[in-house]
Amino acid sequence: MADADNSNNPLLADYDFPPFDRVEPSHVRPGIRALLARLEGELEELEKGMEPAWERLVHPLECIVDRLDVVRNVVDHLKAVKDSPDLCAAVEDVQARSFHPASPLSLPLLP
């Protein structure tokens, strides 16, 4: 079940330091799904106007991948310090739905 309102999902917020204290297992499924959808859209837009230049291709691509890495690391941290059956189920569900070997936005399996 996806959140109809992701505006309160801390995984989707812009931050300088991840809001670890606000992330709950219920944020993982809708947060990762919304983030992947947004980043896929950004990747598609990047592909449409692809220019072989650092600032027009490599830098934007790094920003897309970095955002996914940051959120994945927040979930990894939550799993390490506050693991629960709900969190395990959410992580497994997101991995099963998000892993596609050909996609640069695939989520690597969490330990």
PDB file of N, CA and C in Angstrom:
ATOM      1  N   MET A   1       0.844  -1.183   0.000  1.00  0.00           N
ATOM      2  CA  MET A   1       0.000   0.000   0.000  1.00  0.00           C
ATOM      3  C   MET A   1       0.884   1.239   0.000  1.00  0.00           C
ATOM      4  N   ALA A   2       0.760   2.046  -0.992  1.00  0.00           N
ATOM      5  CA  ALA A   2       1.588   3.250  -1.107  1.00  0.00           C
ATOM      6  C   ALA A   2       0.907   4.411  -0.403  1.00  0.00           C
ATOM      7  N   ASP A   3       1.726   5.270   0.148  1.00  0.00           N
ATOM      8  CA  ASP A   3       1.200   6.482   0.784  1.00  0.00           C
ATOM      9  C   ASP A   3       0.634   7.395  -0.286  1.00  0.00           C
ATOM     10  N   ALA A   4      -0.560   7.902  -0.057  1.00  0.00           N
ATOM     11  CA  ALA A   4      -1.133   8.869  -0.986  1.00  0.00           C
ATOM     12  C   ALA A   4      -0.405  10.200  -0.850  1.00  0.00           C
ATOM     13  N   ASP A   5       0.110  10.457   0.344  1.00  0.00           N
ATOM     14  CA  ASP A   5       0.791  11.717   0.624  1.00  0.00           C
ATOM     15  C   ASP A   5       2.222  11.434   1.066  1.00  0.00           C
ATOM     16  N   ASN A   6       3.150  11.552   0.139  1.00  0.00           N
ATOM     17  CA  ASN A   6       4.554  11.307   0.455  1.00  0.00           C
ATOM     18  C   ASN A   6       5.255  12.553   0.961  1.00  0.00           C
ATOM     19  N   SER A   7       4.535  13.660   1.095  1.00  0.00           N
ATOM     20  CA  SER A   7       5.175  14.906   1.507  1.00  0.00           C
ATOM     21  C   SER A   7       5.743  14.824   2.925  1.00  0.00           C
ATOM     22  N   ASN A   8       5.243  13.912   3.741  1.00  0.00           N
ATOM     23  CA  ASN A   8       5.750  13.757   5.101  1.00  0.00           C
ATOM     24  C   ASN A   8       6.731  12.602   5.241  1.00  0.00           C
ATOM     25  N   ASN A   9       7.100  11.989   4.133  1.00  0.00           N
ATOM     26  CA  ASN A   9       8.030  10.869   4.183  1.00  0.00           C
ATOM     27  C   ASN A   9       9.453  11.413   4.282  1.00  0.00           C
ATOM     28  N   PRO A  10      10.148  11.136   5.395  1.00  0.00           N
ATOM     29  CA  PRO A  10      11.497  11.685   5.561  1.00  0.00           C
ATOM     30  C   PRO A  10      12.506  11.164   4.542  1.00  0.00           C
ATOM     31  N   LEU A  11      12.240  10.019   3.934  1.00  0.00           N
ATOM     32  CA  LEU A  11      13.150   9.514   2.910  1.00  0.00           C
ATOM     33  C   LEU A  11      13.113  10.370   1.647  1.00  0.00           C
ATOM     34  N   LEU A  12      12.041  11.128   1.462  1.00  0.00           N
ATOM     35  CA  LEU A  12      11.896  11.962   0.270  1.00  0.00           C
ATOM     36  C   LEU A  12      12.215  13.424   0.518  1.00  0.00           C
ATOM     37  N   ALA A  13      12.509  13.752   1.754  1.00  0.00           N
ATOM     38  CA  ALA A  13      12.806  15.147   2.101  1.00  0.00           C
ATOM     39  C   ALA A  13      14.204  15.540   1.636  1.00  0.00           C
ATOM     40  N   ASP A  14      14.393  16.825   1.396  1.00  0.00           N
ATOM     41  CA  ASP A  14      15.739  17.338   1.134  1.00  0.00           C
ATOM     42  C   ASP A  14      16.375  17.625   2.486  1.00  0.00           C
ATOM     43  N   TYR A  15      17.590  17.186   2.674  1.00  0.00           N
ATOM     44  CA  TYR A  15      18.249  17.373   3.959  1.00  0.00           C
ATOM     45  C   TYR A  15      19.756  17.394   3.785  1.00  0.00           C
ATOM     46  N   ASP A  16      20.420  18.033   4.745  1.00  0.00           N
ATOM     47  CA  ASP A  16      21.878  18.013   4.786  1.00  0.00           C
ATOM     48  C   ASP A  16      22.354  16.793   5.564  1.00  0.00           C
ATOM     49  N   PHE A  17      21.607  16.452   6.608  1.00  0.00           N
ATOM     50  CA  PHE A  17      21.911  15.274   7.415  1.00  0.00           C
ATOM     51  C   PHE A  17      20.645  14.431   7.480  1.00  0.00           C
ATOM     52  N   PRO A  18      20.727  13.145   7.159  1.00  0.00           N
ATOM     53  CA  PRO A  18      19.519  12.319   7.124  1.00  0.00           C
ATOM     54  C   PRO A  18      18.757  12.345   8.450  1.00  0.00           C
ATOM     55  N   PRO A  19      17.440  12.423   8.386  1.00  0.00           N
ATOM     56  CA  PRO A  19      16.612  12.463   9.590  1.00  0.00           C
ATOM     57  C   PRO A  19      16.358  11.051  10.138  1.00  0.00           C
ATOM     58  N   PHE A  20      17.434  10.419  10.608  1.00  0.00           N
ATOM     59  CA  PHE A  20      17.333   9.039  11.076  1.00  0.00           C
ATOM     60  C   PHE A  20      16.244   8.854  12.125  1.00  0.00           C
ATOM     61  N   ASP A  21      16.072   9.829  12.991  1.00  0.00           N
ATOM     62  CA  ASP A  21      15.110   9.704  14.083  1.00  0.00           C
ATOM     63  C   ASP A  21      13.653   9.726  13.616  1.00  0.00           C
ATOM     64  N   ARG A  22      13.417  10.122  12.384  1.00  0.00           N
ATOM     65  CA  ARG A  22      12.048  10.216  11.868  1.00  0.00           C
ATOM     66  C   ARG A  22      11.670   9.081  10.913  1.00  0.00           C
ATOM     67  N   VAL A  23      12.653   8.294  10.483  1.00  0.00           N
ATOM     68  CA  VAL A  23      12.383   7.246   9.506  1.00  0.00           C
ATOM     69  C   VAL A  23      11.830   6.011  10.218  1.00  0.00           C
ATOM     70  N   GLU A  24      10.700   5.544   9.699  1.00  0.00           N
ATOM     71  CA  GLU A  24      10.026   4.364  10.229  1.00  0.00           C
ATOM     72  C   GLU A  24       9.889   3.322   9.124  1.00  0.00           C
ATOM     73  N   PRO A  25       9.701   2.057   9.491  1.00  0.00           N
ATOM     74  CA  PRO A  25       9.508   1.023   8.457  1.00  0.00           C
ATOM     75  C   PRO A  25       8.390   1.363   7.469  1.00  0.00           C
ATOM     76  N   SER A  26       7.367   2.049   7.926  1.00  0.00           N
ATOM     77  CA  SER A  26       6.245   2.397   7.039  1.00  0.00           C
ATOM     78  C   SER A  26       6.635   3.398   5.955  1.00  0.00           C
ATOM     79  N   HIS A  27       7.789   4.026   6.082  1.00  0.00           N
ATOM     80  CA  HIS A  27       8.255   4.981   5.077  1.00  0.00           C
ATOM     81  C   HIS A  27       9.010   4.299   3.933  1.00  0.00           C
ATOM     82  N   VAL A  28       9.492   3.076   4.161  1.00  0.00           N
ATOM     83  CA  VAL A  28      10.392   2.432   3.195  1.00  0.00           C
ATOM     84  C   VAL A  28       9.701   2.133   1.870  1.00  0.00           C
ATOM     85  N   ARG A  29       8.618   1.399   1.883  1.00  0.00           N
ATOM     86  CA  ARG A  29       7.956   1.027   0.618  1.00  0.00           C
ATOM     87  C   ARG A  29       7.538   2.250  -0.197  1.00  0.00           C
ATOM     88  N   PRO A  30       6.719   3.134   0.370  1.00  0.00           N
ATOM     89  CA  PRO A  30       6.283   4.271  -0.459  1.00  0.00           C
ATOM     90  C   PRO A  30       7.424   5.226  -0.790  1.00  0.00           C
ATOM     91  N   GLY A  31       8.380   5.368   0.108  1.00  0.00           N
ATOM     92  CA  GLY A  31       9.495   6.285  -0.136  1.00  0.00           C
ATOM     93  C   GLY A  31      10.392   5.809  -1.263  1.00  0.00           C
ATOM     94  N   ILE A  32      10.779   4.544  -1.209  1.00  0.00           N
ATOM     95  CA  ILE A  32      11.653   3.997  -2.260  1.00  0.00           C
ATOM     96  C   ILE A  32      10.925   3.970  -3.593  1.00  0.00           C
ATOM     97  N   ARG A  33       9.663   3.571  -3.582  1.00  0.00           N
ATOM     98  CA  ARG A  33       8.901   3.526  -4.850  1.00  0.00           C
ATOM     99  C   ARG A  33       8.760   4.915  -5.459  1.00  0.00           C
ATOM    100  N   ALA A  34       8.440   5.902  -4.640  1.00  0.00           N
ATOM    101  CA  ALA A  34       8.300   7.272  -5.150  1.00  0.00           C
ATOM    102  C   ALA A  34       9.642   7.805  -5.630  1.00  0.00           C
ATOM    103  N   LEU A  35      10.704   7.518  -4.884  1.00  0.00           N
ATOM    104  CA  LEU A  35      12.030   7.985  -5.282  1.00  0.00           C
ATOM    105  C   LEU A  35      12.465   7.345  -6.597  1.00  0.00           C
ATOM    106  N   LEU A  36      12.261   6.044  -6.734  1.00  0.00           N
ATOM    107  CA  LEU A  36      12.631   5.375  -7.983  1.00  0.00           C
ATOM    108  C   LEU A  36      11.845   5.926  -9.164  1.00  0.00           C
ATOM    109  N   ALA A  37      10.566   6.188  -8.969  1.00  0.00           N
ATOM    110  CA  ALA A  37       9.756   6.755 -10.052  1.00  0.00           C
ATOM    111  C   ALA A  37      10.284   8.128 -10.447  1.00  0.00           C
ATOM    112  N   ARG A  38      10.589   8.954  -9.442  1.00  0.00           N
ATOM    113  CA  ARG A  38      11.105  10.296  -9.731  1.00  0.00           C
ATOM    114  C   ARG A  38      12.461  10.222 -10.432  1.00  0.00           C
ATOM    115  N   LEU A  39      13.346   9.363  -9.942  1.00  0.00           N
ATOM    116  CA  LEU A  39      14.682   9.265 -10.529  1.00  0.00           C
ATOM    117  C   LEU A  39      14.638   8.641 -11.921  1.00  0.00           C
ATOM    118  N   GLU A  40      13.732   7.690 -12.148  1.00  0.00           N
ATOM    119  CA  GLU A  40      13.570   7.128 -13.497  1.00  0.00           C
ATOM    120  C   GLU A  40      13.165   8.232 -14.465  1.00  0.00           C
ATOM    121  N   GLY A  41      12.248   9.108 -14.030  1.00  0.00           N
ATOM    122  CA  GLY A  41      11.831  10.237 -14.864  1.00  0.00           C
ATOM    123  C   GLY A  41      12.988  11.167 -15.162  1.00  0.00           C
ATOM    124  N   GLU A  42      13.802  11.445 -14.155  1.00  0.00           N
ATOM    125  CA  GLU A  42      14.970  12.301 -14.362  1.00  0.00           C
ATOM    126  C   GLU A  42      15.959  11.643 -15.317  1.00  0.00           C
ATOM    127  N   LEU A  43      16.123  10.327 -15.190  1.00  0.00           N
ATOM    128  CA  LEU A  43      17.031   9.598 -16.079  1.00  0.00           C
ATOM    129  C   LEU A  43      16.519   9.618 -17.514  1.00  0.00           C
ATOM    130  N   GLU A  44      15.214   9.429 -17.691  1.00  0.00           N
ATOM    131  CA  GLU A  44      14.632   9.478 -19.035  1.00  0.00           C
ATOM    132  C   GLU A  44      14.826  10.858 -19.670  1.00  0.00           C
ATOM    133  N   GLU A  45      14.628  11.909 -18.887  1.00  0.00           N
ATOM    134  CA  GLU A  45      14.844  13.264 -19.399  1.00  0.00           C
ATOM    135  C   GLU A  45      16.311  13.475 -19.770  1.00  0.00           C
ATOM    136  N   LEU A  46      17.199  12.966 -18.966  1.00  0.00           N
ATOM    137  CA  LEU A  46      18.627  13.086 -19.244  1.00  0.00           C
ATOM    138  C   LEU A  46      18.981  12.369 -20.543  1.00  0.00           C
ATOM    139  N   GLU A  47      18.396  11.191 -20.753  1.00  0.00           N
ATOM    140  CA  GLU A  47      18.658  10.429 -21.969  1.00  0.00           C
ATOM    141  C   GLU A  47      18.146  11.139 -23.223  1.00  0.00           C
ATOM    142  N   LYS A  48      17.041  11.854 -23.103  1.00  0.00           N
ATOM    143  CA  LYS A  48      16.474  12.560 -24.260  1.00  0.00           C
ATOM    144  C   LYS A  48      17.410  13.638 -24.786  1.00  0.00           C
ATOM    145  N   GLY A  49      18.068  14.336 -23.906  1.00  0.00           N
ATOM    146  CA  GLY A  49      18.928  15.438 -24.329  1.00  0.00           C
ATOM    147  C   GLY A  49      20.395  15.140 -24.097  1.00  0.00           C
ATOM    148  N   MET A  50      20.756  13.878 -24.181  1.00  0.00           N
ATOM    149  CA  MET A  50      22.108  13.460 -23.831  1.00  0.00           C
ATOM    150  C   MET A  50      23.160  14.156 -24.697  1.00  0.00           C
ATOM    151  N   GLU A  51      24.080  14.787 -24.024  1.00  0.00           N
ATOM    152  CA  GLU A  51      25.238  15.403 -24.663  1.00  0.00           C
ATOM    153  C   GLU A  51      26.480  14.834 -24.000  1.00  0.00           C
ATOM    154  N   PRO A  52      27.467  14.465 -24.783  1.00  0.00           N
ATOM    155  CA  PRO A  52      28.680  13.874 -24.196  1.00  0.00           C
ATOM    156  C   PRO A  52      29.584  14.933 -23.543  1.00  0.00           C
ATOM    157  N   ALA A  53      29.068  15.540 -22.498  1.00  0.00           N
ATOM    158  CA  ALA A  53      29.824  16.555 -21.765  1.00  0.00           C
ATOM    159  C   ALA A  53      29.615  16.309 -20.275  1.00  0.00           C
ATOM    160  N   TRP A  54      30.641  16.566 -19.493  1.00  0.00           N
ATOM    161  CA  TRP A  54      30.596  16.305 -18.059  1.00  0.00           C
ATOM    162  C   TRP A  54      29.387  16.968 -17.390  1.00  0.00           C
ATOM    163  N   GLU A  55      29.231  18.265 -17.574  1.00  0.00           N
ATOM    164  CA  GLU A  55      28.168  19.003 -16.896  1.00  0.00           C
ATOM    165  C   GLU A  55      26.775  18.653 -17.403  1.00  0.00           C
ATOM    166  N   ARG A  56      26.660  18.152 -18.607  1.00  0.00           N
ATOM    167  CA  ARG A  56      25.352  17.861 -19.187  1.00  0.00           C
ATOM    168  C   ARG A  56      24.960  16.385 -19.068  1.00  0.00           C
ATOM    169  N   LEU A  57      25.927  15.507 -18.754  1.00  0.00           N
ATOM    170  CA  LEU A  57      25.619  14.082 -18.691  1.00  0.00           C
ATOM    171  C   LEU A  57      26.115  13.446 -17.393  1.00  0.00           C
ATOM    172  N   VAL A  58      27.399  13.494 -17.171  1.00  0.00           N
ATOM    173  CA  VAL A  58      27.979  12.767 -16.038  1.00  0.00           C
ATOM    174  C   VAL A  58      27.542  13.357 -14.703  1.00  0.00           C
ATOM    175  N   HIS A  59      27.619  14.642 -14.561  1.00  0.00           N
ATOM    176  CA  HIS A  59      27.231  15.268 -13.287  1.00  0.00           C
ATOM    177  C   HIS A  59      25.763  15.011 -12.953  1.00  0.00           C
ATOM    178  N   PRO A  60      24.813  15.235 -13.880  1.00  0.00           N
ATOM    179  CA  PRO A  60      23.416  14.928 -13.550  1.00  0.00           C
ATOM    180  C   PRO A  60      23.186  13.443 -13.240  1.00  0.00           C
ATOM    181  N   LEU A  61      23.861  12.560 -13.960  1.00  0.00           N
ATOM    182  CA  LEU A  61      23.726  11.128 -13.704  1.00  0.00           C
ATOM    183  C   LEU A  61      24.254  10.784 -12.311  1.00  0.00           C
ATOM    184  N   GLU A  62      25.361  11.375 -11.929  1.00  0.00           N
ATOM    185  CA  GLU A  62      25.905  11.146 -10.577  1.00  0.00           C
ATOM    186  C   GLU A  62      24.922  11.639  -9.508  1.00  0.00           C
ATOM    187  N   CYS A  63      24.272  12.751  -9.755  1.00  0.00           N
ATOM    188  CA  CYS A  63      23.293  13.274  -8.787  1.00  0.00           C
ATOM    189  C   CYS A  63      22.125  12.313  -8.618  1.00  0.00           C
ATOM    190  N   ILE A  64      21.659  11.722  -9.714  1.00  0.00           N
ATOM    191  CA  ILE A  64      20.564  10.758  -9.661  1.00  0.00           C
ATOM    192  C   ILE A  64      20.970   9.539  -8.831  1.00  0.00           C
ATOM    193  N   VAL A  65      22.120   8.978  -9.148  1.00  0.00           N
ATOM    194  CA  VAL A  65      22.591   7.783  -8.449  1.00  0.00           C
ATOM    195  C   VAL A  65      22.933   8.098  -6.991  1.00  0.00           C
ATOM    196  N   ASP A  66      23.522   9.254  -6.738  1.00  0.00           N
ATOM    197  CA  ASP A  66      23.864   9.639  -5.359  1.00  0.00           C
ATOM    198  C   ASP A  66      22.623   9.742  -4.484  1.00  0.00           C
ATOM    199  N   ARG A  67      21.545  10.300  -5.006  1.00  0.00           N
ATOM    200  CA  ARG A  67      20.314  10.432  -4.209  1.00  0.00           C
ATOM    201  C   ARG A  67      19.788   9.069  -3.794  1.00  0.00           C
ATOM    202  N   LEU A  68      19.829   8.116  -4.719  1.00  0.00           N
ATOM    203  CA  LEU A  68      19.392   6.762  -4.406  1.00  0.00           C
ATOM    204  C   LEU A  68      20.311   6.133  -3.363  1.00  0.00           C
ATOM    205  N   ASP A  69      21.617   6.347  -3.498  1.00  0.00           N
ATOM    206  CA  ASP A  69      22.570   5.814  -2.526  1.00  0.00           C
ATOM    207  C   ASP A  69      22.332   6.369  -1.129  1.00  0.00           C
ATOM    208  N   VAL A  70      22.045   7.649  -1.030  1.00  0.00           N
ATOM    209  CA  VAL A  70      21.814   8.269   0.277  1.00  0.00           C
ATOM    210  C   VAL A  70      20.602   7.628   0.952  1.00  0.00           C
ATOM    211  N   VAL A  71      19.510   7.481   0.223  1.00  0.00           N
ATOM    212  CA  VAL A  71      18.304   6.887   0.798  1.00  0.00           C
ATOM    213  C   VAL A  71      18.555   5.426   1.157  1.00  0.00           C
ATOM    214  N   ARG A  72      19.249   4.710   0.303  1.00  0.00           N
ATOM    215  CA  ARG A  72      19.576   3.314   0.615  1.00  0.00           C
ATOM    216  C   ARG A  72      20.403   3.228   1.890  1.00  0.00           C
ATOM    217  N   ASN A  73      21.338   4.132   2.065  1.00  0.00           N
ATOM    218  CA  ASN A  73      22.165   4.136   3.271  1.00  0.00           C
ATOM    219  C   ASN A  73      21.345   4.450   4.524  1.00  0.00           C
ATOM    220  N   VAL A  74      20.354   5.308   4.403  1.00  0.00           N
ATOM    221  CA  VAL A  74      19.476   5.591   5.541  1.00  0.00           C
ATOM    222  C   VAL A  74      18.729   4.316   5.929  1.00  0.00           C
ATOM    223  N   VAL A  75      18.209   3.598   4.933  1.00  0.00           N
ATOM    224  CA  VAL A  75      17.490   2.356   5.212  1.00  0.00           C
ATOM    225  C   VAL A  75      18.442   1.314   5.792  1.00  0.00           C
ATOM    226  N   ASP A  76      19.658   1.220   5.260  1.00  0.00           N
ATOM    227  CA  ASP A  76      20.677   0.305   5.814  1.00  0.00           C
ATOM    228  C   ASP A  76      20.924   0.609   7.286  1.00  0.00           C
ATOM    229  N   HIS A  77      21.070   1.878   7.597  1.00  0.00           N
ATOM    230  CA  HIS A  77      21.328   2.289   8.977  1.00  0.00           C
ATOM    231  C   HIS A  77      20.151   1.910   9.875  1.00  0.00           C
ATOM    232  N   LEU A  78      18.952   2.198   9.413  1.00  0.00           N
ATOM    233  CA  LEU A  78      17.761   1.850  10.188  1.00  0.00           C
ATOM    234  C   LEU A  78      17.714   0.344  10.440  1.00  0.00           C
ATOM    235  N   LYS A  79      18.036  -0.421   9.415  1.00  0.00           N
ATOM    236  CA  LYS A  79      18.040  -1.872   9.542  1.00  0.00           C
ATOM    237  C   LYS A  79      19.088  -2.332  10.553  1.00  0.00           C
ATOM    238  N   ALA A  80      20.208  -1.653  10.611  1.00  0.00           N
ATOM    239  CA  ALA A  80      21.284  -2.035  11.531  1.00  0.00           C
ATOM    240  C   ALA A  80      20.968  -1.687  12.989  1.00  0.00           C
ATOM    241  N   VAL A  81      20.273  -0.581  13.214  1.00  0.00           N
ATOM    242  CA  VAL A  81      20.061  -0.127  14.595  1.00  0.00           C
ATOM    243  C   VAL A  81      18.640  -0.325  15.113  1.00  0.00           C
ATOM    244  N   LYS A  82      17.695  -0.551  14.218  1.00  0.00           N
ATOM    245  CA  LYS A  82      16.296  -0.619  14.647  1.00  0.00           C
ATOM    246  C   LYS A  82      15.525  -1.628  13.788  1.00  0.00           C
ATOM    247  N   ASP A  83      16.128  -2.800  13.597  1.00  0.00           N
ATOM    248  CA  ASP A  83      15.520  -3.804  12.736  1.00  0.00           C
ATOM    249  C   ASP A  83      14.228  -4.335  13.369  1.00  0.00           C
ATOM    250  N   SER A  84      13.305  -4.710  12.511  1.00  0.00           N
ATOM    251  CA  SER A  84      12.031  -5.260  12.972  1.00  0.00           C
ATOM    252  C   SER A  84      11.460  -6.120  11.852  1.00  0.00           C
ATOM    253  N   PRO A  85      10.500  -6.966  12.176  1.00  0.00           N
ATOM    254  CA  PRO A  85       9.852  -7.751  11.115  1.00  0.00           C
ATOM    255  C   PRO A  85       9.213  -6.861  10.038  1.00  0.00           C
ATOM    256  N   ASP A  86       8.604  -5.741  10.450  1.00  0.00           N
ATOM    257  CA  ASP A  86       8.003  -4.816   9.474  1.00  0.00           C
ATOM    258  C   ASP A  86       9.048  -4.234   8.539  1.00  0.00           C
ATOM    259  N   LEU A  87      10.193  -3.840   9.098  1.00  0.00           N
ATOM    260  CA  LEU A  87      11.261  -3.272   8.277  1.00  0.00           C
ATOM    261  C   LEU A  87      11.830  -4.323   7.332  1.00  0.00           C
ATOM    262  N   CYS A  88      12.062  -5.523   7.839  1.00  0.00           N
ATOM    263  CA  CYS A  88      12.574  -6.598   6.971  1.00  0.00           C
ATOM    264  C   CYS A  88      11.627  -6.861   5.809  1.00  0.00           C
ATOM    265  N   ALA A  89      10.329  -6.912   6.098  1.00  0.00           N
ATOM    266  CA  ALA A  89       9.335  -7.157   5.045  1.00  0.00           C
ATOM    267  C   ALA A  89       9.333  -6.026   4.026  1.00  0.00           C
ATOM    268  N   ALA A  90       9.427  -4.789   4.498  1.00  0.00           N
ATOM    269  CA  ALA A  90       9.431  -3.641   3.583  1.00  0.00           C
ATOM    270  C   ALA A  90      10.667  -3.655   2.686  1.00  0.00           C
ATOM    271  N   VAL A  91      11.819  -3.932   3.284  1.00  0.00           N
ATOM    272  CA  VAL A  91      13.068  -3.966   2.513  1.00  0.00           C
ATOM    273  C   VAL A  91      13.017  -5.090   1.478  1.00  0.00           C
ATOM    274  N   GLU A  92      12.563  -6.268   1.883  1.00  0.00           N
ATOM    275  CA  GLU A  92      12.470  -7.383   0.941  1.00  0.00           C
ATOM    276  C   GLU A  92      11.511  -7.068  -0.194  1.00  0.00           C
ATOM    277  N   ASP A  93      10.387  -6.442   0.118  1.00  0.00           N
ATOM    278  CA  ASP A  93       9.409  -6.084  -0.903  1.00  0.00           C
ATOM    279  C   ASP A  93       9.984  -5.080  -1.893  1.00  0.00           C
ATOM    280  N   VAL A  94      10.649  -4.068  -1.385  1.00  0.00           N
ATOM    281  CA  VAL A  94      11.222  -3.039  -2.250  1.00  0.00           C
ATOM    282  C   VAL A  94      12.326  -3.636  -3.120  1.00  0.00           C
ATOM    283  N   GLN A  95      13.152  -4.490  -2.540  1.00  0.00           N
ATOM    284  CA  GLN A  95      14.215  -5.114  -3.329  1.00  0.00           C
ATOM    285  C   GLN A  95      13.642  -5.992  -4.427  1.00  0.00           C
ATOM    286  N   ALA A  96      12.628  -6.771  -4.098  1.00  0.00           N
ATOM    287  CA  ALA A  96      12.035  -7.671  -5.090  1.00  0.00           C
ATOM    288  C   ALA A  96      11.414  -6.884  -6.239  1.00  0.00           C
ATOM    289  N   ARG A  97      10.810  -5.739  -5.946  1.00  0.00           N
ATOM    290  CA  ARG A  97      10.155  -4.939  -6.983  1.00  0.00           C
ATOM    291  C   ARG A  97      11.114  -3.996  -7.695  1.00  0.00           C
ATOM    292  N   SER A  98      12.243  -3.688  -7.072  1.00  0.00           N
ATOM    293  CA  SER A  98      13.131  -2.654  -7.610  1.00  0.00           C
ATOM    294  C   SER A  98      14.346  -3.202  -8.328  1.00  0.00           C
ATOM    295  N   PHE A  99      14.660  -4.471  -8.130  1.00  0.00           N
ATOM    296  CA  PHE A  99      15.897  -4.971  -8.705  1.00  0.00           C
ATOM    297  C   PHE A  99      15.680  -5.397 -10.141  1.00  0.00           C
ATOM    298  N   HIS A 100      16.352  -4.708 -11.015  1.00  0.00           N
ATOM    299  CA  HIS A 100      16.370  -5.060 -12.428  1.00  0.00           C
ATOM    300  C   HIS A 100      17.807  -4.854 -12.878  1.00  0.00           C
ATOM    301  N   PRO A 101      18.517  -5.950 -13.203  1.00  0.00           N
ATOM    302  CA  PRO A 101      19.949  -5.852 -13.502  1.00  0.00           C
ATOM    303  C   PRO A 101      20.320  -4.842 -14.573  1.00  0.00           C
ATOM    304  N   ALA A 102      19.426  -4.576 -15.517  1.00  0.00           N
ATOM    305  CA  ALA A 102      19.761  -3.655 -16.607  1.00  0.00           C
ATOM    306  C   ALA A 102      19.578  -2.191 -16.225  1.00  0.00           C
ATOM    307  N   SER A 103      18.925  -1.918 -15.108  1.00  0.00           N
ATOM    308  CA  SER A 103      18.642  -0.545 -14.738  1.00  0.00           C
ATOM    309  C   SER A 103      19.767   0.037 -13.881  1.00  0.00           C
ATOM    310  N   PRO A 104      20.219   1.248 -14.215  1.00  0.00           N
ATOM    311  CA  PRO A 104      21.233   1.876 -13.374  1.00  0.00           C
ATOM    312  C   PRO A 104      20.667   2.286 -12.018  1.00  0.00           C
ATOM    313  N   LEU A 105      19.356   2.233 -11.864  1.00  0.00           N
ATOM    314  CA  LEU A 105      18.722   2.593 -10.605  1.00  0.00           C
ATOM    315  C   LEU A 105      18.328   1.366  -9.793  1.00  0.00           C
ATOM    316  N   SER A 106      18.829   0.198 -10.158  1.00  0.00           N
ATOM    317  CA  SER A 106      18.521  -1.005  -9.385  1.00  0.00           C
ATOM    318  C   SER A 106      19.059  -0.863  -7.980  1.00  0.00           C
ATOM    319  N   LEU A 107      18.287  -1.377  -7.030  1.00  0.00           N
ATOM    320  CA  LEU A 107      18.737  -1.384  -5.651  1.00  0.00           C
ATOM    321  C   LEU A 107      19.550  -2.639  -5.403  1.00  0.00           C
ATOM    322  N   PRO A 108      20.818  -2.486  -5.029  1.00  0.00           N
ATOM    323  CA  PRO A 108      21.584  -3.680  -4.686  1.00  0.00           C
ATOM    324  C   PRO A 108      20.986  -4.295  -3.418  1.00  0.00           C
ATOM    325  N   LEU A 109      21.123  -5.595  -3.295  1.00  0.00           N
ATOM    326  CA  LEU A 109      20.564  -6.267  -2.144  1.00  0.00           C
ATOM    327  C   LEU A 109      21.228  -5.789  -0.869  1.00  0.00           C
ATOM    328  N   LEU A 110      20.404  -5.550   0.151  1.00  0.00           N
ATOM    329  CA  LEU A 110      20.912  -5.145   1.458  1.00  0.00           C
ATOM    330  C   LEU A 110      21.407  -6.384   2.174  1.00  0.00           C
ATOM    331  N   PRO A 111      22.433  -6.228   3.008  1.00  0.00           N
ATOM    332  CA  PRO A 111      22.944  -7.395   3.744  1.00  0.00           C
ATOM    333  C   PRO A 111      21.934  -7.910   4.752  1.00  0.00           C
TER     334      PRO A 111
END
